[in-house]
Amino acid sequence: MTRALDGLEQRIAAALQVDGRASWRSIAAVLAEPERTVARRGSAMLASGAVAVVGILPHADAAVLRVSCSPGTARTATESLAQRSDCTFAYMTTGATDCVAELMFESGRLPRCSALRSPPPWAC
């Protein structure tokens, strides 16, 4: 069962988002908190898996998908896209598009899919 991060943990996680390689000392200085407290809480979050610092290998090709879904299926579609190993992000949206996702591909291997449509000329 997951638990919500408290205020300090959220600030530490935000600092790690800015620089995942920052030292506990520099994070503590930015947050104006004791270094030992930041190191203890940050290490505990990393060890428990509540927070993870990961890197993404650069890819040459990416496709940003705008997906329209049948009524009531947007959440499932967004969650399914988000679980793909080649998905950088997936967000459920409102309006004409139900979700947006970015998929990464090795250089030159962007799949050809007849279901994908080019954006209208005015969008380029």
C-alpha atoms as a PDB file:
ATOM      1  CA  MET A   1       0.000   0.000   0.000  1.00  0.00           C
ATOM      2  CA  THR A   2       1.369   3.410  -0.918  1.00  0.00           C
ATOM      3  CA  ARG A   3       1.199   6.421   1.305  1.00  0.00           C
ATOM      4  CA  ALA A   4       1.141  10.095   0.434  1.00  0.00           C
ATOM      5  CA  LEU A   5       4.434  11.959   0.716  1.00  0.00           C
ATOM      6  CA  ASP A   6       4.507  14.629   3.406  1.00  0.00           C
ATOM      7  CA  GLY A   7       5.566  18.218   2.699  1.00  0.00           C
ATOM      8  CA  LEU A   8       9.311  17.703   3.154  1.00  0.00           C
ATOM      9  CA  GLU A   9       9.266  14.486   1.125  1.00  0.00           C
ATOM     10  CA  GLN A  10       7.445  16.273  -1.694  1.00  0.00           C
ATOM     11  CA  ARG A  11      10.074  19.033  -1.676  1.00  0.00           C
ATOM     12  CA  ILE A  12      12.904  16.473  -1.733  1.00  0.00           C
ATOM     13  CA  ALA A  13      11.216  14.633  -4.626  1.00  0.00           C
ATOM     14  CA  ALA A  14      10.809  17.924  -6.496  1.00  0.00           C
ATOM     15  CA  ALA A  15      14.514  18.695  -6.001  1.00  0.00           C
ATOM     16  CA  LEU A  16      15.405  15.251  -7.378  1.00  0.00           C
ATOM     17  CA  GLN A  17      13.235  15.986 -10.426  1.00  0.00           C
ATOM     18  CA  VAL A  18      15.295  19.094 -11.102  1.00  0.00           C
ATOM     19  CA  ASP A  19      18.612  17.246 -10.647  1.00  0.00           C
ATOM     20  CA  GLY A  20      18.492  13.543  -9.931  1.00  0.00           C
ATOM     21  CA  ARG A  21      22.242  13.534  -9.257  1.00  0.00           C
ATOM     22  CA  ALA A  22      22.194  16.359  -6.691  1.00  0.00           C
ATOM     23  CA  SER A  23      23.870  15.612  -3.365  1.00  0.00           C
ATOM     24  CA  TRP A  24      21.852  15.522  -0.174  1.00  0.00           C
ATOM     25  CA  ARG A  25      23.965  18.486   0.973  1.00  0.00           C
ATOM     26  CA  SER A  26      22.945  20.649  -2.000  1.00  0.00           C
ATOM     27  CA  ILE A  27      19.280  19.618  -1.721  1.00  0.00           C
ATOM     28  CA  ALA A  28      19.337  20.425   2.010  1.00  0.00           C
ATOM     29  CA  ALA A  29      20.835  23.845   1.280  1.00  0.00           C
ATOM     30  CA  VAL A  30      18.187  24.668  -1.320  1.00  0.00           C
ATOM     31  CA  LEU A  31      15.375  23.477   0.955  1.00  0.00           C
ATOM     32  CA  ALA A  32      16.875  25.135   4.048  1.00  0.00           C
ATOM     33  CA  GLU A  33      16.598  21.854   5.960  1.00  0.00           C
ATOM     34  CA  PRO A  34      19.213  19.907   7.964  1.00  0.00           C
ATOM     35  CA  GLU A  35      21.404  17.745   5.707  1.00  0.00           C
ATOM     36  CA  ARG A  36      21.008  14.657   7.903  1.00  0.00           C
ATOM     37  CA  THR A  37      17.215  14.946   7.794  1.00  0.00           C
ATOM     38  CA  VAL A  38      17.172  15.335   4.000  1.00  0.00           C
ATOM     39  CA  ALA A  39      19.610  12.428   3.550  1.00  0.00           C
ATOM     40  CA  ARG A  40      17.637  10.160   5.888  1.00  0.00           C
ATOM     41  CA  ARG A  41      14.234  10.972   4.381  1.00  0.00           C
ATOM     42  CA  GLY A  42      15.492  10.962   0.784  1.00  0.00           C
ATOM     43  CA  SER A  43      17.319   7.657   1.206  1.00  0.00           C
ATOM     44  CA  ALA A  44      14.237   6.092   2.798  1.00  0.00           C
ATOM     45  CA  MET A  45      12.033   7.214  -0.118  1.00  0.00           C
ATOM     46  CA  LEU A  46      14.504   5.798  -2.644  1.00  0.00           C
ATOM     47  CA  ALA A  47      14.917   2.520  -0.724  1.00  0.00           C
ATOM     48  CA  SER A  48      11.153   2.011  -0.380  1.00  0.00           C
ATOM     49  CA  GLY A  49      10.501   2.765  -4.038  1.00  0.00           C
ATOM     50  CA  ALA A  50       8.257   5.713  -3.188  1.00  0.00           C
ATOM     51  CA  VAL A  51      10.581   7.801  -5.370  1.00  0.00           C
ATOM     52  CA  ALA A  52      12.853   6.614  -8.160  1.00  0.00           C
ATOM     53  CA  VAL A  53      15.549   8.426 -10.082  1.00  0.00           C
ATOM     54  CA  VAL A  54      15.761   7.043 -13.604  1.00  0.00           C
ATOM     55  CA  GLY A  55      17.411   8.033 -16.839  1.00  0.00           C
ATOM     56  CA  ILE A  56      15.966   7.854 -20.308  1.00  0.00           C
ATOM     57  CA  LEU A  57      18.247   6.928 -23.162  1.00  0.00           C
ATOM     58  CA  PRO A  58      18.061   9.408 -26.021  1.00  0.00           C
ATOM     59  CA  HIS A  59      16.139   8.228 -29.053  1.00  0.00           C
ATOM     60  CA  ALA A  60      16.187   9.816 -32.450  1.00  0.00           C
ATOM     61  CA  ASP A  61      12.510   9.383 -33.284  1.00  0.00           C
ATOM     62  CA  ALA A  62       9.426  10.201 -31.279  1.00  0.00           C
ATOM     63  CA  ALA A  63       5.723  10.338 -32.004  1.00  0.00           C
ATOM     64  CA  VAL A  64       3.289  12.420 -30.005  1.00  0.00           C
ATOM     65  CA  LEU A  65      -0.100  10.767 -30.157  1.00  0.00           C
ATOM     66  CA  ARG A  66      -3.423  12.509 -29.750  1.00  0.00           C
ATOM     67  CA  VAL A  67      -5.979   9.803 -29.041  1.00  0.00           C
ATOM     68  CA  SER A  68      -9.762  10.021 -29.262  1.00  0.00           C
ATOM     69  CA  CYS A  69     -11.504   7.259 -27.310  1.00  0.00           C
ATOM     70  CA  SER A  70     -14.951   5.765 -27.104  1.00  0.00           C
ATOM     71  CA  PRO A  71     -16.959   7.146 -24.173  1.00  0.00           C
ATOM     72  CA  GLY A  72     -15.743   5.792 -20.833  1.00  0.00           C
ATOM     73  CA  THR A  73     -12.459   4.338 -22.155  1.00  0.00           C
ATOM     74  CA  ALA A  74     -10.060   7.297 -21.887  1.00  0.00           C
ATOM     75  CA  ARG A  75      -8.616   6.253 -18.499  1.00  0.00           C
ATOM     76  CA  THR A  76      -7.956   2.684 -19.667  1.00  0.00           C
ATOM     77  CA  ALA A  77      -6.360   3.893 -22.901  1.00  0.00           C
ATOM     78  CA  THR A  78      -4.141   6.389 -21.060  1.00  0.00           C
ATOM     79  CA  GLU A  79      -3.064   3.825 -18.465  1.00  0.00           C
ATOM     80  CA  SER A  80      -2.322   1.263 -21.188  1.00  0.00           C
ATOM     81  CA  LEU A  81      -0.157   3.731 -23.098  1.00  0.00           C
ATOM     82  CA  ALA A  82       1.643   4.776 -19.890  1.00  0.00           C
ATOM     83  CA  GLN A  83       2.636   1.164 -19.197  1.00  0.00           C
ATOM     84  CA  ARG A  84       4.437   0.740 -22.532  1.00  0.00           C
ATOM     85  CA  SER A  85       8.215   0.665 -22.164  1.00  0.00           C
ATOM     86  CA  ASP A  86       8.565   3.077 -25.093  1.00  0.00           C
ATOM     87  CA  CYS A  87       6.149   5.650 -23.618  1.00  0.00           C
ATOM     88  CA  THR A  88       7.748   8.757 -22.115  1.00  0.00           C
ATOM     89  CA  PHE A  89       4.490  10.245 -20.858  1.00  0.00           C
ATOM     90  CA  ALA A  90       0.744   9.751 -21.148  1.00  0.00           C
ATOM     91  CA  TYR A  91      -1.876  12.222 -19.959  1.00  0.00           C
ATOM     92  CA  MET A  92      -5.645  12.094 -19.998  1.00  0.00           C
ATOM     93  CA  THR A  93      -7.044  15.346 -21.373  1.00  0.00           C
ATOM     94  CA  THR A  94     -10.387  17.006 -21.974  1.00  0.00           C
ATOM     95  CA  GLY A  95     -11.782  18.312 -25.235  1.00  0.00           C
ATOM     96  CA  ALA A  96     -11.569  16.777 -28.710  1.00  0.00           C
ATOM     97  CA  THR A  97      -8.553  14.663 -27.693  1.00  0.00           C
ATOM     98  CA  ASP A  98      -9.009  12.228 -24.809  1.00  0.00           C
ATOM     99  CA  CYS A  99      -5.336  11.488 -24.128  1.00  0.00           C
ATOM    100  CA  VAL A 100      -1.891  12.529 -25.285  1.00  0.00           C
ATOM    101  CA  ALA A 101       1.217  10.351 -25.170  1.00  0.00           C
ATOM    102  CA  GLU A 102       4.773  10.369 -26.485  1.00  0.00           C
ATOM    103  CA  LEU A 103       6.286   7.135 -27.822  1.00  0.00           C
ATOM    104  CA  MET A 104      10.019   6.815 -28.490  1.00  0.00           C
ATOM    105  CA  PHE A 105      11.555   4.706 -31.257  1.00  0.00           C
ATOM    106  CA  GLU A 106      15.059   3.784 -32.355  1.00  0.00           C
ATOM    107  CA  SER A 107      16.338   5.931 -35.189  1.00  0.00           C
ATOM    108  CA  GLY A 108      14.663   5.093 -38.484  1.00  0.00           C
ATOM    109  CA  ARG A 109      12.198   2.629 -36.939  1.00  0.00           C
ATOM    110  CA  LEU A 110       9.203   4.886 -36.439  1.00  0.00           C
ATOM    111  CA  PRO A 111       6.357   2.531 -37.213  1.00  0.00           C
ATOM    112  CA  ARG A 112       4.075   3.242 -40.101  1.00  0.00           C
ATOM    113  CA  CYS A 113       0.522   3.075 -38.923  1.00  0.00           C
ATOM    114  CA  SER A 114      -2.492   3.751 -41.129  1.00  0.00           C
ATOM    115  CA  ALA A 115      -4.451   4.833 -38.059  1.00  0.00           C
ATOM    116  CA  LEU A 116      -2.129   7.821 -37.577  1.00  0.00           C
ATOM    117  CA  ARG A 117      -3.137  10.951 -39.369  1.00  0.00           C
ATOM    118  CA  SER A 118      -0.993  13.957 -40.194  1.00  0.00           C
ATOM    119  CA  PRO A 119      -1.841  17.181 -38.392  1.00  0.00           C
ATOM    120  CA  PRO A 120      -3.859  19.720 -40.349  1.00  0.00           C
ATOM    121  CA  PRO A 121      -1.678  22.138 -42.404  1.00  0.00           C
ATOM    122  CA  TRP A 122      -2.468  25.064 -40.098  1.00  0.00           C
ATOM    123  CA  ALA A 123      -1.026  23.164 -37.082  1.00  0.00           C
ATOM    124  CA  CYS A 124       2.478  22.884 -38.586  1.00  0.00           C
END
